[in-house]
Amino acid sequence: MRARADLHTHSSASDGSDSPTELVRKAEEIKLGGIALTDHDSLDGVKEFMDADASDELIRVPGLEISSEYDAKEVHILGYFVPSDFKTLNDRLEYLRVARHNRLPKMIHKLNELGLDVSMGELSESLEGVSSPGRPHVAQLLIKKGFVKTTHEAFQKYLAYDKPAYVRKERLQALEAIDLLRSAGAVPVLAHPLTVKVQDLRSLIETLMNGGLLGIEVDYDYTSMGIHRSSDEVREIIKGLDILHTGGSDYHGTVHYTDLGSVTVPIEVIDSLQRLHAEL
């Protein structure tokens, strides 16, 4: 049995550069034992991901990453073993996807006001087949036009929170996202907790656990986001809490510079997710 799993990846159905099929092929190439597709606010890539040719040695987990907030702070909730036909969840995801599309012209307008010659027409050329676009697509356009050299630079200069071209994203309430996932029989997990801008992270985690959170992404490389903090901090914060530990690379292909499989967890974590899924 292959020993390791990457449980946080994105495809071209949201803001990754690889198709779901290509993602599976690359997972096989580096001999991962498990991989989860967790596109932003979208399940559109899941069928292709699950249907792609793969060996019996690769376990695939259908998932997503929901944009949410708690107390006006951005909180991302991963869902594992998400059914693609649960209407209530799909209706709320459609609301988020429409909001994502509506956000793009506002960012382009702000960039134009800053003197950057970019257009929605240019951006739309890169969005074919993308159901859940985001700031990384705008960053790629800025790179293509020569205004910045990297995605990180695009965010630091223009697109990150408090930067001049930032536009707030519509989000669900975190407890609603958790409840939706559990209602669909999916396992809710808090993504990259050290990115949540709260004073008392343990208190937030306990609140979310009381609302049905079942896991927390412990293993994660924050340096790719310009955050110099360690997963050991998360382990210390959640010491003693009865919650599943997960992890992954947050792979986006060429959009963000983390490698597939660069952060993994033991394959047994998928067994634990399956057990929780069966109990919901």
C-alpha atoms as a PDB file:
ATOM      1  CA  MET A   1       0.000   0.000   0.000  1.00  0.00           C
ATOM      2  CA  ARG A   2       1.258   3.498  -0.807  1.00  0.00           C
ATOM      3  CA  ALA A   3       1.737   5.265   2.485  1.00  0.00           C
ATOM      4  CA  ARG A   4       0.918   8.960   1.976  1.00  0.00           C
ATOM      5  CA  ALA A   5      -2.078  11.091   0.946  1.00  0.00           C
ATOM      6  CA  ASP A   6      -2.422  14.714  -0.182  1.00  0.00           C
ATOM      7  CA  LEU A   7      -5.859  15.852   0.969  1.00  0.00           C
ATOM      8  CA  HIS A   8      -5.915  19.463  -0.291  1.00  0.00           C
ATOM      9  CA  THR A   9      -5.685  20.073  -4.048  1.00  0.00           C
ATOM     10  CA  HIS A  10      -7.352  22.269  -6.667  1.00  0.00           C
ATOM     11  CA  SER A  11      -8.099  21.751 -10.337  1.00  0.00           C
ATOM     12  CA  SER A  12      -9.001  23.937 -13.303  1.00  0.00           C
ATOM     13  CA  ALA A  13     -12.646  23.695 -12.223  1.00  0.00           C
ATOM     14  CA  SER A  14     -11.736  26.417  -9.721  1.00  0.00           C
ATOM     15  CA  ASP A  15      -8.385  28.188  -9.587  1.00  0.00           C
ATOM     16  CA  GLY A  16      -5.892  25.416 -10.313  1.00  0.00           C
ATOM     17  CA  SER A  17      -4.077  24.953 -13.626  1.00  0.00           C
ATOM     18  CA  ASP A  18      -4.433  21.145 -13.959  1.00  0.00           C
ATOM     19  CA  SER A  19      -7.564  19.387 -15.136  1.00  0.00           C
ATOM     20  CA  PRO A  20      -8.961  16.826 -12.671  1.00  0.00           C
ATOM     21  CA  THR A  21      -7.659  14.073 -14.960  1.00  0.00           C
ATOM     22  CA  GLU A  22      -4.183  15.614 -15.005  1.00  0.00           C
ATOM     23  CA  LEU A  23      -4.261  15.862 -11.221  1.00  0.00           C
ATOM     24  CA  VAL A  24      -4.931  12.119 -10.960  1.00  0.00           C
ATOM     25  CA  ARG A  25      -2.184  11.350 -13.486  1.00  0.00           C
ATOM     26  CA  LYS A  26       0.342  13.392 -11.494  1.00  0.00           C
ATOM     27  CA  ALA A  27      -0.718  11.701  -8.244  1.00  0.00           C
ATOM     28  CA  GLU A  28      -0.019   8.331  -9.863  1.00  0.00           C
ATOM     29  CA  GLU A  29       3.299   9.589 -11.219  1.00  0.00           C
ATOM     30  CA  ILE A  30       4.598  10.491  -7.757  1.00  0.00           C
ATOM     31  CA  LYS A  31       3.019   7.368  -6.261  1.00  0.00           C
ATOM     32  CA  LEU A  32       0.624   8.982  -3.820  1.00  0.00           C
ATOM     33  CA  GLY A  33      -1.618   6.544  -2.008  1.00  0.00           C
ATOM     34  CA  GLY A  34      -4.485   9.002  -1.746  1.00  0.00           C
ATOM     35  CA  ILE A  35      -5.604  12.356  -3.080  1.00  0.00           C
ATOM     36  CA  ALA A  36      -8.593  14.608  -2.443  1.00  0.00           C
ATOM     37  CA  LEU A  37      -9.949  17.160  -4.887  1.00  0.00           C
ATOM     38  CA  THR A  38     -11.075  20.230  -2.902  1.00  0.00           C
ATOM     39  CA  ASP A  39     -11.958  22.930  -5.419  1.00  0.00           C
ATOM     40  CA  HIS A  40     -13.221  26.266  -4.151  1.00  0.00           C
ATOM     41  CA  ASP A  41     -17.022  26.382  -3.829  1.00  0.00           C
ATOM     42  CA  SER A  42     -17.427  23.858  -6.639  1.00  0.00           C
ATOM     43  CA  LEU A  43     -18.010  20.159  -7.231  1.00  0.00           C
ATOM     44  CA  ASP A  44     -17.843  20.510 -11.016  1.00  0.00           C
ATOM     45  CA  GLY A  45     -14.513  18.711 -11.316  1.00  0.00           C
ATOM     46  CA  VAL A  46     -15.416  15.782  -9.084  1.00  0.00           C
ATOM     47  CA  LYS A  47     -16.955  13.464 -11.707  1.00  0.00           C
ATOM     48  CA  GLU A  48     -13.946  13.767 -14.018  1.00  0.00           C
ATOM     49  CA  PHE A  49     -11.635  13.324 -11.022  1.00  0.00           C
ATOM     50  CA  MET A  50     -13.366  10.136  -9.891  1.00  0.00           C
ATOM     51  CA  ASP A  51     -13.729   8.748 -13.443  1.00  0.00           C
ATOM     52  CA  ALA A  52     -10.121   9.365 -14.528  1.00  0.00           C
ATOM     53  CA  ASP A  53      -8.013   6.272 -15.166  1.00  0.00           C
ATOM     54  CA  ALA A  54      -6.030   5.290 -12.100  1.00  0.00           C
ATOM     55  CA  SER A  55      -4.559   2.226 -10.463  1.00  0.00           C
ATOM     56  CA  ASP A  56      -6.136   0.505  -7.496  1.00  0.00           C
ATOM     57  CA  GLU A  57      -3.268   1.877  -5.406  1.00  0.00           C
ATOM     58  CA  LEU A  58      -4.640   5.435  -5.538  1.00  0.00           C
ATOM     59  CA  ILE A  59      -7.587   6.261  -3.277  1.00  0.00           C
ATOM     60  CA  ARG A  60      -9.551   9.291  -4.424  1.00  0.00           C
ATOM     61  CA  VAL A  61     -11.674  11.434  -2.121  1.00  0.00           C
ATOM     62  CA  PRO A  62     -14.357  13.767  -3.547  1.00  0.00           C
ATOM     63  CA  GLY A  63     -14.323  17.060  -1.707  1.00  0.00           C
ATOM     64  CA  LEU A  64     -14.444  20.849  -1.848  1.00  0.00           C
ATOM     65  CA  GLU A  65     -13.364  23.980   0.030  1.00  0.00           C
ATOM     66  CA  ILE A  66     -16.146  26.357   1.059  1.00  0.00           C
ATOM     67  CA  SER A  67     -15.587  30.098   1.442  1.00  0.00           C
ATOM     68  CA  SER A  68     -17.019  31.074   4.811  1.00  0.00           C
ATOM     69  CA  GLU A  69     -16.521  33.438   7.714  1.00  0.00           C
ATOM     70  CA  TYR A  70     -16.950  33.610  11.455  1.00  0.00           C
ATOM     71  CA  ASP A  71     -17.263  36.925  13.283  1.00  0.00           C
ATOM     72  CA  ALA A  72     -16.336  38.700  10.005  1.00  0.00           C
ATOM     73  CA  LYS A  73     -13.073  36.710   9.769  1.00  0.00           C
ATOM     74  CA  GLU A  74     -12.418  34.538   6.707  1.00  0.00           C
ATOM     75  CA  VAL A  75     -12.570  30.827   7.486  1.00  0.00           C
ATOM     76  CA  HIS A  76     -12.285  28.053   4.887  1.00  0.00           C
ATOM     77  CA  ILE A  77     -14.083  24.773   5.506  1.00  0.00           C
ATOM     78  CA  LEU A  78     -12.995  21.640   3.653  1.00  0.00           C
ATOM     79  CA  GLY A  79     -15.545  18.906   3.045  1.00  0.00           C
ATOM     80  CA  TYR A  80     -14.640  15.270   2.381  1.00  0.00           C
ATOM     81  CA  PHE A  81     -16.755  12.556   0.740  1.00  0.00           C
ATOM     82  CA  VAL A  82     -19.152  15.175  -0.588  1.00  0.00           C
ATOM     83  CA  PRO A  83     -22.033  13.878  -2.726  1.00  0.00           C
ATOM     84  CA  SER A  84     -22.416  15.810  -5.977  1.00  0.00           C
ATOM     85  CA  ASP A  85     -26.235  15.566  -6.025  1.00  0.00           C
ATOM     86  CA  PHE A  86     -27.206  17.160  -2.693  1.00  0.00           C
ATOM     87  CA  LYS A  87     -29.497  19.995  -3.783  1.00  0.00           C
ATOM     88  CA  THR A  88     -29.346  22.217  -0.695  1.00  0.00           C
ATOM     89  CA  LEU A  89     -25.555  22.281  -0.776  1.00  0.00           C
ATOM     90  CA  ASN A  90     -25.436  22.801  -4.544  1.00  0.00           C
ATOM     91  CA  ASP A  91     -27.841  25.742  -4.304  1.00  0.00           C
ATOM     92  CA  ARG A  92     -25.598  27.490  -1.778  1.00  0.00           C
ATOM     93  CA  LEU A  93     -22.486  26.720  -3.841  1.00  0.00           C
ATOM     94  CA  GLU A  94     -24.159  28.247  -6.894  1.00  0.00           C
ATOM     95  CA  TYR A  95     -24.751  31.427  -4.897  1.00  0.00           C
ATOM     96  CA  LEU A  96     -21.026  31.562  -4.068  1.00  0.00           C
ATOM     97  CA  ARG A  97     -19.991  30.855  -7.670  1.00  0.00           C
ATOM     98  CA  VAL A  98     -22.210  33.635  -9.052  1.00  0.00           C
ATOM     99  CA  ALA A  99     -20.724  36.001  -6.471  1.00  0.00           C
ATOM    100  CA  ARG A 100     -17.214  34.971  -7.564  1.00  0.00           C
ATOM    101  CA  HIS A 101     -17.996  35.837 -11.196  1.00  0.00           C
ATOM    102  CA  ASN A 102     -19.597  39.153 -10.197  1.00  0.00           C
ATOM    103  CA  ARG A 103     -16.515  40.071  -8.176  1.00  0.00           C
ATOM    104  CA  LEU A 104     -14.131  39.948 -11.147  1.00  0.00           C
ATOM    105  CA  PRO A 105     -15.266  43.108 -13.016  1.00  0.00           C
ATOM    106  CA  LYS A 106     -14.962  45.082  -9.769  1.00  0.00           C
ATOM    107  CA  MET A 107     -11.335  44.006  -9.388  1.00  0.00           C
ATOM    108  CA  ILE A 108     -10.608  44.828 -13.030  1.00  0.00           C
ATOM    109  CA  HIS A 109     -12.170  48.272 -12.540  1.00  0.00           C
ATOM    110  CA  LYS A 110      -9.974  48.935  -9.486  1.00  0.00           C
ATOM    111  CA  LEU A 111      -6.874  47.853 -11.409  1.00  0.00           C
ATOM    112  CA  ASN A 112      -7.855  50.200 -14.255  1.00  0.00           C
ATOM    113  CA  GLU A 113      -8.177  53.064 -11.753  1.00  0.00           C
ATOM    114  CA  LEU A 114      -4.610  52.276 -10.683  1.00  0.00           C
ATOM    115  CA  GLY A 115      -3.489  52.723 -14.278  1.00  0.00           C
ATOM    116  CA  LEU A 116      -3.110  49.043 -15.193  1.00  0.00           C
ATOM    117  CA  ASP A 117      -4.310  48.235 -18.707  1.00  0.00           C
ATOM    118  CA  VAL A 118      -6.283  45.020 -18.170  1.00  0.00           C
ATOM    119  CA  SER A 119      -9.802  44.110 -19.315  1.00  0.00           C
ATOM    120  CA  MET A 120     -12.548  41.616 -18.594  1.00  0.00           C
ATOM    121  CA  GLY A 121     -12.208  40.404 -22.171  1.00  0.00           C
ATOM    122  CA  GLU A 122      -8.603  39.416 -21.525  1.00  0.00           C
ATOM    123  CA  LEU A 123      -9.502  37.783 -18.242  1.00  0.00           C
ATOM    124  CA  SER A 124     -12.429  35.866 -19.771  1.00  0.00           C
ATOM    125  CA  GLU A 125     -10.043  34.157 -22.208  1.00  0.00           C
ATOM    126  CA  SER A 126      -8.565  32.229 -19.288  1.00  0.00           C
ATOM    127  CA  LEU A 127     -11.886  31.306 -17.670  1.00  0.00           C
ATOM    128  CA  GLU A 128     -13.248  28.794 -20.156  1.00  0.00           C
ATOM    129  CA  GLY A 129     -14.440  25.769 -18.208  1.00  0.00           C
ATOM    130  CA  VAL A 130     -13.846  27.476 -14.858  1.00  0.00           C
ATOM    131  CA  SER A 131     -16.947  27.383 -12.684  1.00  0.00           C
ATOM    132  CA  SER A 132     -15.449  29.033  -9.616  1.00  0.00           C
ATOM    133  CA  PRO A 133     -12.923  31.754 -10.570  1.00  0.00           C
ATOM    134  CA  GLY A 134     -10.920  33.777  -8.095  1.00  0.00           C
ATOM    135  CA  ARG A 135      -8.088  36.205  -7.505  1.00  0.00           C
ATOM    136  CA  PRO A 136      -5.407  33.799  -8.810  1.00  0.00           C
ATOM    137  CA  HIS A 137      -6.941  34.170 -12.282  1.00  0.00           C
ATOM    138  CA  VAL A 138      -6.548  37.952 -12.040  1.00  0.00           C
ATOM    139  CA  ALA A 139      -2.995  37.434 -10.777  1.00  0.00           C
ATOM    140  CA  GLN A 140      -2.208  35.289 -13.821  1.00  0.00           C
ATOM    141  CA  LEU A 141      -3.455  38.065 -16.111  1.00  0.00           C
ATOM    142  CA  LEU A 142      -1.228  40.598 -14.316  1.00  0.00           C
ATOM    143  CA  ILE A 143       1.731  38.256 -14.842  1.00  0.00           C
ATOM    144  CA  LYS A 144       0.856  37.794 -18.522  1.00  0.00           C
ATOM    145  CA  LYS A 145       0.664  41.565 -19.036  1.00  0.00           C
ATOM    146  CA  GLY A 146       4.009  42.090 -17.300  1.00  0.00           C
ATOM    147  CA  PHE A 147       2.761  44.097 -14.322  1.00  0.00           C
ATOM    148  CA  VAL A 148       4.082  41.543 -11.809  1.00  0.00           C
ATOM    149  CA  LYS A 149       6.376  38.528 -11.977  1.00  0.00           C
ATOM    150  CA  THR A 150       4.619  36.111  -9.591  1.00  0.00           C
ATOM    151  CA  THR A 151       1.242  35.357  -8.063  1.00  0.00           C
ATOM    152  CA  HIS A 152       2.648  36.279  -4.658  1.00  0.00           C
ATOM    153  CA  GLU A 153       3.720  39.685  -5.961  1.00  0.00           C
ATOM    154  CA  ALA A 154       0.267  40.250  -7.502  1.00  0.00           C
ATOM    155  CA  PHE A 155      -1.392  39.578  -4.166  1.00  0.00           C
ATOM    156  CA  GLN A 156       1.081  41.659  -2.164  1.00  0.00           C
ATOM    157  CA  LYS A 157       0.785  44.662  -4.473  1.00  0.00           C
ATOM    158  CA  TYR A 158      -2.848  44.583  -5.558  1.00  0.00           C
ATOM    159  CA  LEU A 159      -5.129  41.671  -4.617  1.00  0.00           C
ATOM    160  CA  ALA A 160      -4.629  40.743  -0.969  1.00  0.00           C
ATOM    161  CA  TYR A 161      -6.882  42.035   1.790  1.00  0.00           C
ATOM    162  CA  ASP A 162      -6.238  45.772   2.360  1.00  0.00           C
ATOM    163  CA  LYS A 163      -4.499  46.105  -1.015  1.00  0.00           C
ATOM    164  CA  PRO A 164      -5.872  48.597  -3.581  1.00  0.00           C
ATOM    165  CA  ALA A 165      -7.617  46.156  -5.943  1.00  0.00           C
ATOM    166  CA  TYR A 166      -9.097  43.898  -3.256  1.00  0.00           C
ATOM    167  CA  VAL A 167     -12.834  43.220  -3.450  1.00  0.00           C
ATOM    168  CA  ARG A 168     -14.534  41.374  -0.625  1.00  0.00           C
ATOM    169  CA  LYS A 169     -15.777  37.882  -1.465  1.00  0.00           C
ATOM    170  CA  GLU A 170     -19.264  36.693  -0.572  1.00  0.00           C
ATOM    171  CA  ARG A 171     -19.094  33.903   1.986  1.00  0.00           C
ATOM    172  CA  LEU A 172     -21.339  31.585   3.957  1.00  0.00           C
ATOM    173  CA  GLN A 173     -21.268  31.618   7.729  1.00  0.00           C
ATOM    174  CA  ALA A 174     -18.819  28.970   8.912  1.00  0.00           C
ATOM    175  CA  LEU A 175     -21.391  27.196  11.058  1.00  0.00           C
ATOM    176  CA  GLU A 176     -23.787  27.089   8.107  1.00  0.00           C
ATOM    177  CA  ALA A 177     -21.052  25.578   5.923  1.00  0.00           C
ATOM    178  CA  ILE A 178     -20.358  22.924   8.546  1.00  0.00           C
ATOM    179  CA  ASP A 179     -24.048  22.132   8.910  1.00  0.00           C
ATOM    180  CA  LEU A 180     -24.519  21.924   5.132  1.00  0.00           C
ATOM    181  CA  LEU A 181     -21.645  19.491   4.783  1.00  0.00           C
ATOM    182  CA  ARG A 182     -22.834  17.289   7.615  1.00  0.00           C
ATOM    183  CA  SER A 183     -26.381  17.323   6.229  1.00  0.00           C
ATOM    184  CA  ALA A 184     -24.938  16.040   2.963  1.00  0.00           C
ATOM    185  CA  GLY A 185     -23.027  13.302   4.789  1.00  0.00           C
ATOM    186  CA  ALA A 186     -19.667  15.002   4.223  1.00  0.00           C
ATOM    187  CA  VAL A 187     -16.920  15.444   6.812  1.00  0.00           C
ATOM    188  CA  PRO A 188     -16.196  19.131   7.661  1.00  0.00           C
ATOM    189  CA  VAL A 189     -12.575  20.120   8.346  1.00  0.00           C
ATOM    190  CA  LEU A 190     -11.070  23.537   9.124  1.00  0.00           C
ATOM    191  CA  ALA A 191      -8.536  24.471   6.417  1.00  0.00           C
ATOM    192  CA  HIS A 192      -5.135  26.124   7.109  1.00  0.00           C
ATOM    193  CA  PRO A 193      -6.133  27.368  10.589  1.00  0.00           C
ATOM    194  CA  LEU A 194      -3.137  29.674  11.051  1.00  0.00           C
ATOM    195  CA  THR A 195      -4.504  31.930   8.293  1.00  0.00           C
ATOM    196  CA  VAL A 196      -7.600  32.720  10.380  1.00  0.00           C
ATOM    197  CA  LYS A 197      -7.077  36.175  11.870  1.00  0.00           C
ATOM    198  CA  VAL A 198      -8.434  35.663  15.398  1.00  0.00           C
ATOM    199  CA  GLN A 199      -6.867  36.306  18.799  1.00  0.00           C
ATOM    200  CA  ASP A 200      -7.919  32.979  20.319  1.00  0.00           C
ATOM    201  CA  LEU A 201      -7.724  30.224  17.703  1.00  0.00           C
ATOM    202  CA  ARG A 202      -8.422  27.425  20.177  1.00  0.00           C
ATOM    203  CA  SER A 203     -11.660  29.111  21.247  1.00  0.00           C
ATOM    204  CA  LEU A 204     -12.744  29.409  17.612  1.00  0.00           C
ATOM    205  CA  ILE A 205     -11.936  25.748  16.977  1.00  0.00           C
ATOM    206  CA  GLU A 206     -13.934  24.703  20.034  1.00  0.00           C
ATOM    207  CA  THR A 207     -16.877  26.819  18.856  1.00  0.00           C
ATOM    208  CA  LEU A 208     -16.734  25.205  15.411  1.00  0.00           C
ATOM    209  CA  MET A 209     -16.449  21.757  17.000  1.00  0.00           C
ATOM    210  CA  ASN A 210     -19.592  22.474  19.009  1.00  0.00           C
ATOM    211  CA  GLY A 211     -21.197  23.289  15.661  1.00  0.00           C
ATOM    212  CA  GLY A 212     -20.142  19.956  14.164  1.00  0.00           C
ATOM    213  CA  LEU A 213     -16.558  20.417  12.911  1.00  0.00           C
ATOM    214  CA  LEU A 214     -14.869  17.009  12.787  1.00  0.00           C
ATOM    215  CA  GLY A 215     -11.338  17.727  11.599  1.00  0.00           C
ATOM    216  CA  ILE A 216      -8.585  20.306  11.353  1.00  0.00           C
ATOM    217  CA  GLU A 217      -5.863  20.683   8.743  1.00  0.00           C
ATOM    218  CA  VAL A 218      -2.746  20.319  10.865  1.00  0.00           C
ATOM    219  CA  ASP A 219      -0.096  19.552   8.232  1.00  0.00           C
ATOM    220  CA  TYR A 220       0.220  22.520   5.878  1.00  0.00           C
ATOM    221  CA  ASP A 221       3.066  24.615   4.431  1.00  0.00           C
ATOM    222  CA  TYR A 222       2.275  28.235   5.300  1.00  0.00           C
ATOM    223  CA  THR A 223       5.435  29.619   3.705  1.00  0.00           C
ATOM    224  CA  SER A 224       3.758  29.388   0.285  1.00  0.00           C
ATOM    225  CA  MET A 225       1.362  32.066   1.559  1.00  0.00           C
ATOM    226  CA  GLY A 226       4.148  34.247   2.929  1.00  0.00           C
ATOM    227  CA  ILE A 227       3.329  33.159   6.497  1.00  0.00           C
ATOM    228  CA  HIS A 228       6.316  32.039   8.535  1.00  0.00           C
ATOM    229  CA  ARG A 229       4.553  29.853  11.055  1.00  0.00           C
ATOM    230  CA  SER A 230       4.670  26.138  11.753  1.00  0.00           C
ATOM    231  CA  SER A 231       2.173  23.298  11.895  1.00  0.00           C
ATOM    232  CA  ASP A 232       3.644  22.567  15.320  1.00  0.00           C
ATOM    233  CA  GLU A 233       1.766  25.678  16.521  1.00  0.00           C
ATOM    234  CA  VAL A 234      -1.508  24.073  15.462  1.00  0.00           C
ATOM    235  CA  ARG A 235      -0.629  20.855  17.307  1.00  0.00           C
ATOM    236  CA  GLU A 236       0.055  22.847  20.455  1.00  0.00           C
ATOM    237  CA  ILE A 237      -3.144  24.903  20.142  1.00  0.00           C
ATOM    238  CA  ILE A 238      -5.385  21.853  19.717  1.00  0.00           C
ATOM    239  CA  LYS A 239      -3.628  19.623  22.240  1.00  0.00           C
ATOM    240  CA  GLY A 240      -6.213  17.523  24.051  1.00  0.00           C
ATOM    241  CA  LEU A 241      -9.039  18.164  21.599  1.00  0.00           C
ATOM    242  CA  ASP A 242     -10.758  15.112  20.150  1.00  0.00           C
ATOM    243  CA  ILE A 243     -10.560  16.064  16.490  1.00  0.00           C
ATOM    244  CA  LEU A 244      -9.175  14.411  13.363  1.00  0.00           C
ATOM    245  CA  HIS A 245      -5.862  15.748  12.038  1.00  0.00           C
ATOM    246  CA  THR A 246      -5.627  16.103   8.233  1.00  0.00           C
ATOM    247  CA  GLY A 247      -3.276  17.868   5.833  1.00  0.00           C
ATOM    248  CA  GLY A 248      -2.263  18.580   2.294  1.00  0.00           C
ATOM    249  CA  SER A 249      -0.284  20.722  -0.102  1.00  0.00           C
ATOM    250  CA  ASP A 250      -3.034  23.124  -1.263  1.00  0.00           C
ATOM    251  CA  TYR A 251      -1.722  22.377  -4.761  1.00  0.00           C
ATOM    252  CA  HIS A 252      -2.887  24.712  -7.543  1.00  0.00           C
ATOM    253  CA  GLY A 253      -0.432  23.739 -10.297  1.00  0.00           C
ATOM    254  CA  THR A 254       1.347  26.710 -11.829  1.00  0.00           C
ATOM    255  CA  VAL A 255      -0.934  29.213 -10.073  1.00  0.00           C
ATOM    256  CA  HIS A 256       0.571  28.794  -6.588  1.00  0.00           C
ATOM    257  CA  TYR A 257       4.039  27.431  -6.142  1.00  0.00           C
ATOM    258  CA  THR A 258       3.519  24.351  -4.024  1.00  0.00           C
ATOM    259  CA  ASP A 259       4.199  20.885  -5.397  1.00  0.00           C
ATOM    260  CA  LEU A 260       1.649  18.106  -5.412  1.00  0.00           C
ATOM    261  CA  GLY A 261       2.501  15.786  -2.550  1.00  0.00           C
ATOM    262  CA  SER A 262       4.817  18.314  -0.886  1.00  0.00           C
ATOM    263  CA  VAL A 263       2.671  18.040   2.251  1.00  0.00           C
ATOM    264  CA  THR A 264       1.027  14.713   3.007  1.00  0.00           C
ATOM    265  CA  VAL A 265      -0.553  12.720   5.808  1.00  0.00           C
ATOM    266  CA  PRO A 266      -0.609   8.963   6.460  1.00  0.00           C
ATOM    267  CA  ILE A 267      -3.007   7.076   4.197  1.00  0.00           C
ATOM    268  CA  GLU A 268      -4.839   5.955   7.350  1.00  0.00           C
ATOM    269  CA  VAL A 269      -6.293   9.469   7.645  1.00  0.00           C
ATOM    270  CA  ILE A 270      -8.552   8.576   4.707  1.00  0.00           C
ATOM    271  CA  ASP A 271      -9.768   5.533   6.673  1.00  0.00           C
ATOM    272  CA  SER A 272     -10.644   7.875   9.547  1.00  0.00           C
ATOM    273  CA  LEU A 273     -12.484  10.230   7.186  1.00  0.00           C
ATOM    274  CA  GLN A 274     -14.406   7.266   5.773  1.00  0.00           C
ATOM    275  CA  ARG A 275     -15.439   6.151   9.264  1.00  0.00           C
ATOM    276  CA  LEU A 276     -16.678   9.646  10.145  1.00  0.00           C
ATOM    277  CA  HIS A 277     -18.482   9.847   6.793  1.00  0.00           C
ATOM    278  CA  ALA A 278     -20.231   6.517   7.486  1.00  0.00           C
ATOM    279  CA  GLU A 279     -21.413   7.766  10.871  1.00  0.00           C
ATOM    280  CA  LEU A 280     -23.084  10.942   9.519  1.00  0.00           C
END
